[in-house]
Amino acid sequence: MAELHCHIEGAADPGLVCMLARRYGIDLGDIVRDDFYVWHDFSSFLAAYDRASTVFRSEEDFAELATDHLTRLASAGTLYAEFFISPDHAKLSGVAPEAYAAGLATGIARAREATGIEARMIVVGVRHLGVEAVERAARFAAGPGRRDITGFGLAGDERIGAHADFRKAFDIARDAGLGLTIHAGEVCGAESVRAAIDAVAPHRIGHGVRAIEDAALIAEIARRGIVLEVCPGSNLALGLYPDIASHPLKRLVAAGVKVTLGADDPPFFRTSLAAEYRLAAEAGIDAPGRLAFTRTAIEAAFVDETTRRRLIDRLMLAALSLGAPGTSQ
């Protein structure tokens, strides 16, 4: 398996969050109950996410977070993972963005040493914090000496602001040679995806599933080879679709769209990357198709070509050793 779409604070295990809350004397209120996060709609999910993020107060806390997340992925057979980081969320906890990124990079190194998993970070601007905040995030991502930061993206409340408002931020990141991804077509419809493509010409789109509502747009995405970072479990949890049979995953694949699978904010949505691959199987994606998701993720990863080739070699070796390619990829 490989993952391109996961928010690092959103990957925080509730047990770890509660432990840190006790350490720092933080009252989490009612966002954690019986070892699960509690929310009821997209707005309350964002609020719970922001509140849980405040328990990470030091560079070492973030190192522990990344190590825990990546070790869990590696134990399930994941070869490669990217995760979104938000300097603005670090600031909410009183942690300087430099220390935040350094702590996460330390966590990546620890997990790599212990398990062999490879990982990179994508800085995201939070659109509902405004254009200036997103541009600051882009400048941070583009700065020198950013260990393991290879991409830039836009996240947050998709209903706020036009994609074109953030064009300058993406230009900053593009000029720095960073890979570009943007959240679109999740809460908002196909018009959001089209606007994102027109405004910033991203390499990948986070979610993008509602592009299925526009046949011409789907054809364009397939023709241009734009990769969709699809997160079925998240979509179901947020009520975009009632069940996996209704989810457009299989239709996207049939239309020739390049698709990867991600868990988005796994404990918030009671999912995991392995569970996303199981959902794909339930949706009718066969074993070779699931293997293709992993290969697509590696091919679309924001990594150097030497690392990409090494990951593909590892994937092919793992598939051959199973005897039935794709059964667990």
Protein backbone atom coordinates (compact mmCIF):
# COMPACT_ATOMS: atom_id res chain seq x y z
CA MET A 1 0.00 0.00 0.00
CA ALA A 2 0.94 3.65 -0.39
CA GLU A 3 -0.83 6.80 0.76
CA LEU A 4 -0.79 10.36 -0.54
CA HIS A 5 -3.71 11.93 1.37
CA CYS A 6 -3.59 12.11 5.16
CA HIS A 7 -3.50 15.07 7.56
CA ILE A 8 -0.93 14.42 10.27
CA GLU A 9 -2.93 15.96 13.14
CA GLY A 10 -5.97 14.11 11.82
CA ALA A 11 -4.01 10.87 12.08
CA ALA A 12 -3.42 11.33 15.80
CA ASP A 13 -4.63 8.34 17.77
CA PRO A 14 -7.17 9.42 20.44
CA GLY A 15 -5.13 7.61 23.07
CA LEU A 16 -2.06 9.68 22.24
CA VAL A 17 -4.12 12.89 22.20
CA CYS A 18 -5.64 12.13 25.60
CA MET A 19 -2.23 11.24 27.07
CA LEU A 20 -0.77 14.57 25.95
CA ALA A 21 -3.86 16.44 27.14
CA ARG A 22 -3.33 15.00 30.63
CA ARG A 23 0.37 15.86 30.49
CA TYR A 24 -0.34 19.50 29.69
CA GLY A 25 -3.57 19.86 31.69
CA ILE A 26 -5.68 20.50 28.61
CA ASP A 27 -9.45 20.06 28.76
CA LEU A 28 -10.55 18.40 25.54
CA GLY A 29 -14.20 18.86 26.40
CA ASP A 30 -16.39 16.32 24.65
CA ILE A 31 -14.37 15.73 21.46
CA VAL A 32 -13.16 12.30 22.66
CA ARG A 33 -15.51 9.70 24.07
CA ASP A 34 -14.77 6.00 24.60
CA ASP A 35 -11.51 6.34 22.63
CA PHE A 36 -13.27 7.84 19.61
CA TYR A 37 -13.49 11.40 18.32
CA VAL A 38 -16.94 12.94 18.51
CA TRP A 39 -18.40 15.23 15.83
CA HIS A 40 -21.64 15.38 13.83
CA ASP A 41 -21.08 17.38 10.62
CA PHE A 42 -18.27 18.89 8.56
CA SER A 43 -18.07 22.08 10.64
CA SER A 44 -17.97 20.20 13.97
CA PHE A 45 -15.39 17.82 12.51
CA LEU A 46 -13.13 20.78 11.68
CA ALA A 47 -13.64 22.16 15.20
CA ALA A 48 -12.79 18.81 16.81
CA TYR A 49 -9.73 18.48 14.58
CA ASP A 50 -8.49 21.94 15.56
CA ARG A 51 -9.05 21.26 19.27
CA ALA A 52 -7.26 17.90 19.22
CA SER A 53 -4.33 19.53 17.43
CA THR A 54 -3.65 21.84 20.39
CA VAL A 55 -2.29 19.01 22.57
CA PHE A 56 0.94 18.85 20.56
CA ARG A 57 3.11 21.41 22.32
CA SER A 58 6.73 20.58 21.50
CA GLU A 59 9.04 19.38 18.77
CA GLU A 60 9.25 15.99 20.47
CA ASP A 61 5.45 15.71 20.61
CA PHE A 62 5.33 16.04 16.84
CA ALA A 63 8.15 13.54 16.44
CA GLU A 64 6.12 11.08 18.50
CA LEU A 65 3.03 11.77 16.39
CA ALA A 66 4.82 11.07 13.09
CA THR A 67 6.56 7.99 14.43
CA ASP A 68 3.30 6.54 15.75
CA HIS A 69 1.41 7.25 12.52
CA LEU A 70 4.05 5.84 10.19
CA THR A 71 4.75 2.80 12.35
CA ARG A 72 1.06 1.92 12.25
CA LEU A 73 1.06 2.23 8.47
CA ALA A 74 4.21 0.15 8.11
CA SER A 75 2.79 -2.61 10.29
CA ALA A 76 -0.12 -2.88 7.83
CA GLY A 77 2.24 -3.23 4.86
CA THR A 78 2.57 0.36 3.67
CA LEU A 79 5.70 1.15 1.66
CA TYR A 80 5.28 4.90 1.28
CA ALA A 81 3.27 7.70 2.86
CA GLU A 82 2.86 11.42 2.43
CA PHE A 83 1.08 13.52 5.00
CA PHE A 84 -0.15 17.09 5.14
CA ILE A 85 1.34 19.45 7.68
CA SER A 86 -0.09 22.82 8.67
CA PRO A 87 2.19 25.52 10.14
CA ASP A 88 -0.94 27.36 11.26
CA HIS A 89 -2.02 24.44 13.44
CA ALA A 90 1.45 24.38 15.00
CA LYS A 91 1.10 28.06 15.86
CA LEU A 92 -2.20 27.35 17.63
CA SER A 93 -0.21 25.19 20.03
CA GLY A 94 2.55 27.76 20.44
CA VAL A 95 5.08 25.75 18.39
CA ALA A 96 7.20 27.55 15.80
CA PRO A 97 6.68 26.14 12.30
CA GLU A 98 10.40 25.34 12.06
CA ALA A 99 10.29 23.22 15.23
CA TYR A 100 7.04 21.62 14.07
CA ALA A 101 8.52 20.50 10.74
CA ALA A 102 11.78 19.42 12.40
CA GLY A 103 9.92 17.26 14.91
CA LEU A 104 7.89 15.59 12.18
CA ALA A 105 11.08 15.00 10.15
CA THR A 106 12.61 13.34 13.19
CA GLY A 107 9.56 11.10 13.42
CA ILE A 108 9.92 10.17 9.76
CA ALA A 109 13.56 9.25 10.30
CA ARG A 110 12.73 7.12 13.34
CA ALA A 111 9.99 5.24 11.52
CA ARG A 112 12.19 4.73 8.47
CA GLU A 113 14.97 3.31 10.62
CA ALA A 114 12.63 1.02 12.52
CA THR A 115 10.37 -0.21 9.70
CA GLY A 116 11.76 0.79 6.30
CA ILE A 117 8.75 2.97 5.44
CA GLU A 118 9.52 6.01 3.29
CA ALA A 119 7.64 9.27 3.87
CA ARG A 120 7.44 12.92 2.82
CA MET A 121 5.54 16.00 3.99
CA ILE A 122 3.22 18.36 2.11
CA VAL A 123 2.69 21.80 3.62
CA VAL A 124 -0.92 22.96 3.36
CA GLY A 125 -2.42 26.38 3.66
CA VAL A 126 -5.78 26.48 5.43
CA ARG A 127 -8.17 28.31 3.15
CA HIS A 128 -10.61 29.45 5.83
CA LEU A 129 -7.74 31.30 7.55
CA GLY A 130 -7.45 33.58 4.54
CA VAL A 131 -5.26 34.31 1.54
CA GLU A 132 -2.38 35.83 3.51
CA ALA A 133 -2.13 32.79 5.78
CA VAL A 134 -2.04 30.46 2.78
CA GLU A 135 0.70 32.53 1.14
CA ARG A 136 2.73 32.43 4.38
CA ALA A 137 2.39 28.64 4.36
CA ALA A 138 3.62 28.54 0.76
CA ARG A 139 6.65 30.67 1.61
CA PHE A 140 7.40 28.38 4.54
CA ALA A 141 7.19 25.31 2.30
CA ALA A 142 9.48 26.96 -0.25
CA GLY A 143 12.09 27.93 2.34
CA PRO A 144 15.58 26.38 2.41
CA GLY A 145 16.52 23.38 4.50
CA ARG A 146 13.02 21.96 4.89
CA ARG A 147 13.75 18.29 5.53
CA ASP A 148 11.36 15.95 3.74
CA ILE A 149 8.99 18.74 2.57
CA THR A 150 8.35 18.09 -1.11
CA GLY A 151 4.87 19.45 -1.80
CA PHE A 152 2.35 22.22 -1.17
CA GLY A 153 -1.42 22.10 -1.06
CA LEU A 154 -4.62 23.83 0.00
CA ALA A 155 -6.92 22.35 2.64
CA GLY A 156 -9.57 23.60 5.06
CA ASP A 157 -13.20 24.53 4.48
CA GLU A 158 -13.78 24.19 0.74
CA ARG A 159 -16.84 26.43 0.98
CA ILE A 160 -14.74 29.50 1.84
CA GLY A 161 -12.86 31.52 -0.77
CA ALA A 162 -12.40 30.98 -4.50
CA HIS A 163 -9.57 28.80 -5.76
CA ALA A 164 -8.29 31.70 -7.85
CA ASP A 165 -7.71 33.67 -4.63
CA PHE A 166 -4.83 31.31 -3.83
CA ARG A 167 -3.08 31.41 -7.20
CA LYS A 168 -0.12 33.41 -5.85
CA ALA A 169 0.51 30.85 -3.11
CA PHE A 170 0.69 28.07 -5.67
CA ASP A 171 2.98 30.14 -7.88
CA ILE A 172 5.36 30.52 -4.92
CA ALA A 173 5.37 26.75 -4.40
CA ARG A 174 5.66 25.95 -8.11
CA ASP A 175 8.64 28.27 -8.49
CA ALA A 176 10.31 26.40 -5.62
CA GLY A 177 9.90 23.10 -7.46
CA LEU A 178 7.33 21.65 -5.07
CA GLY A 179 4.63 19.21 -6.10
CA LEU A 180 1.13 20.72 -6.06
CA THR A 181 -2.11 19.28 -4.75
CA ILE A 182 -5.38 20.96 -3.82
CA HIS A 183 -8.53 19.87 -2.00
CA ALA A 184 -11.58 20.19 -4.25
CA GLY A 185 -14.76 18.33 -5.13
CA GLU A 186 -15.45 16.99 -1.65
CA VAL A 187 -18.03 19.17 0.11
CA CYS A 188 -18.53 21.25 -3.04
CA GLY A 189 -19.45 19.91 -6.46
CA ALA A 190 -17.78 19.39 -9.82
CA GLU A 191 -17.49 23.13 -10.34
CA SER A 192 -15.01 23.20 -7.45
CA VAL A 193 -12.75 20.71 -9.22
CA ARG A 194 -12.89 22.60 -12.50
CA ALA A 195 -12.11 25.89 -10.74
CA ALA A 196 -9.13 24.31 -8.97
CA ILE A 197 -7.70 22.96 -12.22
CA ASP A 198 -8.20 26.27 -14.03
CA ALA A 199 -6.79 28.37 -11.19
CA VAL A 200 -3.65 26.51 -10.10
CA ALA A 201 -2.98 23.62 -12.55
CA PRO A 202 -2.28 21.08 -9.78
CA HIS A 203 -0.52 17.77 -10.28
CA ARG A 204 -3.05 16.08 -8.00
CA ILE A 205 -6.45 16.82 -6.50
CA GLY A 206 -7.39 15.89 -2.97
CA HIS A 207 -10.72 14.02 -3.10
CA GLY A 208 -12.14 15.27 -6.42
CA VAL A 209 -14.85 12.62 -6.34
CA ARG A 210 -17.64 15.01 -7.22
CA ALA A 211 -16.05 15.57 -10.60
CA ILE A 212 -18.09 12.48 -11.50
CA GLU A 213 -21.08 14.84 -11.75
CA ASP A 214 -19.60 16.37 -14.95
CA ALA A 215 -18.78 13.88 -17.72
CA ALA A 216 -16.75 16.40 -19.71
CA LEU A 217 -14.67 17.24 -16.64
CA ILE A 218 -13.97 13.57 -15.94
CA ALA A 219 -12.81 13.12 -19.52
CA GLU A 220 -10.50 16.12 -19.16
CA ILE A 221 -9.02 14.83 -15.87
CA ALA A 222 -8.35 11.45 -17.48
CA ARG A 223 -6.85 13.02 -20.60
CA ARG A 224 -4.54 15.29 -18.61
CA GLY A 225 -3.49 12.54 -16.22
CA ILE A 226 -4.44 14.49 -13.10
CA VAL A 227 -4.36 12.15 -10.12
CA LEU A 228 -7.27 12.05 -7.67
CA GLU A 229 -6.45 11.30 -4.03
CA VAL A 230 -9.68 9.48 -3.19
CA CYS A 231 -10.71 8.79 0.41
CA PRO A 232 -13.87 6.63 0.37
CA GLY A 233 -14.10 6.14 4.15
CA SER A 234 -13.97 9.89 4.72
CA ASN A 235 -16.60 10.48 2.04
CA LEU A 236 -18.95 7.96 3.65
CA ALA A 237 -18.38 9.31 7.17
CA LEU A 238 -19.18 12.85 6.04
CA GLY A 239 -22.33 11.70 4.27
CA LEU A 240 -21.29 12.45 0.70
CA TYR A 241 -22.54 8.98 -0.27
CA PRO A 242 -24.77 6.59 1.68
CA ASP A 243 -22.67 3.48 1.08
CA ILE A 244 -19.68 2.19 -0.86
CA ALA A 245 -21.94 0.88 -3.64
CA SER A 246 -22.98 4.48 -4.31
CA HIS A 247 -19.44 5.85 -4.20
CA PRO A 248 -17.99 6.85 -7.61
CA LEU A 249 -14.66 5.05 -7.11
CA LYS A 250 -15.35 2.30 -9.64
CA ARG A 251 -16.82 4.75 -12.16
CA LEU A 252 -13.72 6.95 -11.89
CA VAL A 253 -11.48 3.97 -12.60
CA ALA A 254 -13.68 2.88 -15.52
CA ALA A 255 -13.41 6.39 -16.97
CA GLY A 256 -9.62 6.11 -17.03
CA VAL A 257 -8.94 8.49 -14.15
CA LYS A 258 -5.73 7.92 -12.17
CA VAL A 259 -6.77 7.17 -8.59
CA THR A 260 -5.00 6.65 -5.28
CA LEU A 261 -6.48 5.76 -1.89
CA GLY A 262 -6.04 7.69 1.34
CA ALA A 263 -7.51 7.60 4.84
CA ASP A 264 -7.68 11.42 5.18
CA ASP A 265 -8.12 11.71 8.99
CA PRO A 266 -8.31 8.02 9.91
CA PRO A 267 -9.31 7.93 13.61
CA PHE A 268 -11.80 10.77 13.09
CA PHE A 269 -13.52 8.73 10.40
CA ARG A 270 -12.93 5.33 12.07
CA THR A 271 -10.91 4.07 9.14
CA SER A 272 -7.34 3.21 8.13
CA LEU A 273 -5.45 2.88 4.88
CA ALA A 274 -5.96 -0.90 4.99
CA ALA A 275 -9.69 -0.31 5.50
CA GLU A 276 -9.74 1.96 2.43
CA TYR A 277 -8.32 -0.86 0.33
CA ARG A 278 -10.99 -3.19 1.75
CA LEU A 279 -13.66 -0.66 0.80
CA ALA A 280 -12.25 -0.61 -2.71
CA ALA A 281 -12.64 -4.38 -2.86
CA GLU A 282 -16.26 -4.02 -1.70
CA ALA A 283 -16.77 -1.45 -4.46
CA GLY A 284 -15.76 -4.07 -7.02
CA ILE A 285 -12.12 -3.17 -7.60
CA ASP A 286 -10.25 -6.45 -8.13
CA ALA A 287 -6.79 -7.32 -6.81
CA PRO A 288 -4.86 -6.03 -9.85
CA GLY A 289 -6.88 -2.82 -9.65
CA ARG A 290 -5.95 -2.36 -6.01
CA LEU A 291 -2.31 -2.98 -6.84
CA ALA A 292 -2.66 -0.29 -9.51
CA PHE A 293 -3.78 2.20 -6.84
CA THR A 294 -0.51 1.62 -5.02
CA ARG A 295 1.58 1.92 -8.16
CA THR A 296 -0.25 5.10 -9.16
CA ALA A 297 0.46 6.56 -5.71
CA ILE A 298 4.17 5.85 -6.05
CA GLU A 299 4.27 7.20 -9.58
CA ALA A 300 2.48 10.38 -8.45
CA ALA A 301 4.46 10.77 -5.22
CA PHE A 302 6.42 13.96 -4.64
CA VAL A 303 9.79 12.21 -4.44
CA ASP A 304 13.04 12.11 -6.40
CA GLU A 305 13.26 9.57 -9.20
CA THR A 306 15.77 7.35 -7.42
CA THR A 307 13.41 6.93 -4.48
CA ARG A 308 10.46 6.36 -6.81
CA ARG A 309 12.28 3.60 -8.67
CA ARG A 310 13.29 1.94 -5.42
CA LEU A 311 9.68 2.01 -4.17
CA ILE A 312 8.33 0.54 -7.41
CA ASP A 313 10.91 -2.24 -7.20
CA ARG A 314 9.84 -2.97 -3.63
CA LEU A 315 6.19 -3.01 -4.68
CA MET A 316 6.80 -5.43 -7.53
CA LEU A 317 8.87 -7.70 -5.33
CA ALA A 318 6.14 -7.71 -2.69
CA ALA A 319 3.46 -8.49 -5.28
CA LEU A 320 5.47 -11.36 -6.75
CA SER A 321 6.14 -12.84 -3.32
CA LEU A 322 2.39 -13.00 -2.67
CA GLY A 323 1.82 -15.15 -5.73
CA ALA A 324 -1.46 -13.35 -6.39
CA PRO A 325 -0.53 -9.75 -7.31
CA GLY A 326 -2.60 -7.07 -5.64
CA THR A 327 -4.19 -9.17 -2.91
CA SER A 328 -2.88 -6.90 -0.18
CA GLN A 329 -1.58 -3.89 -2.07
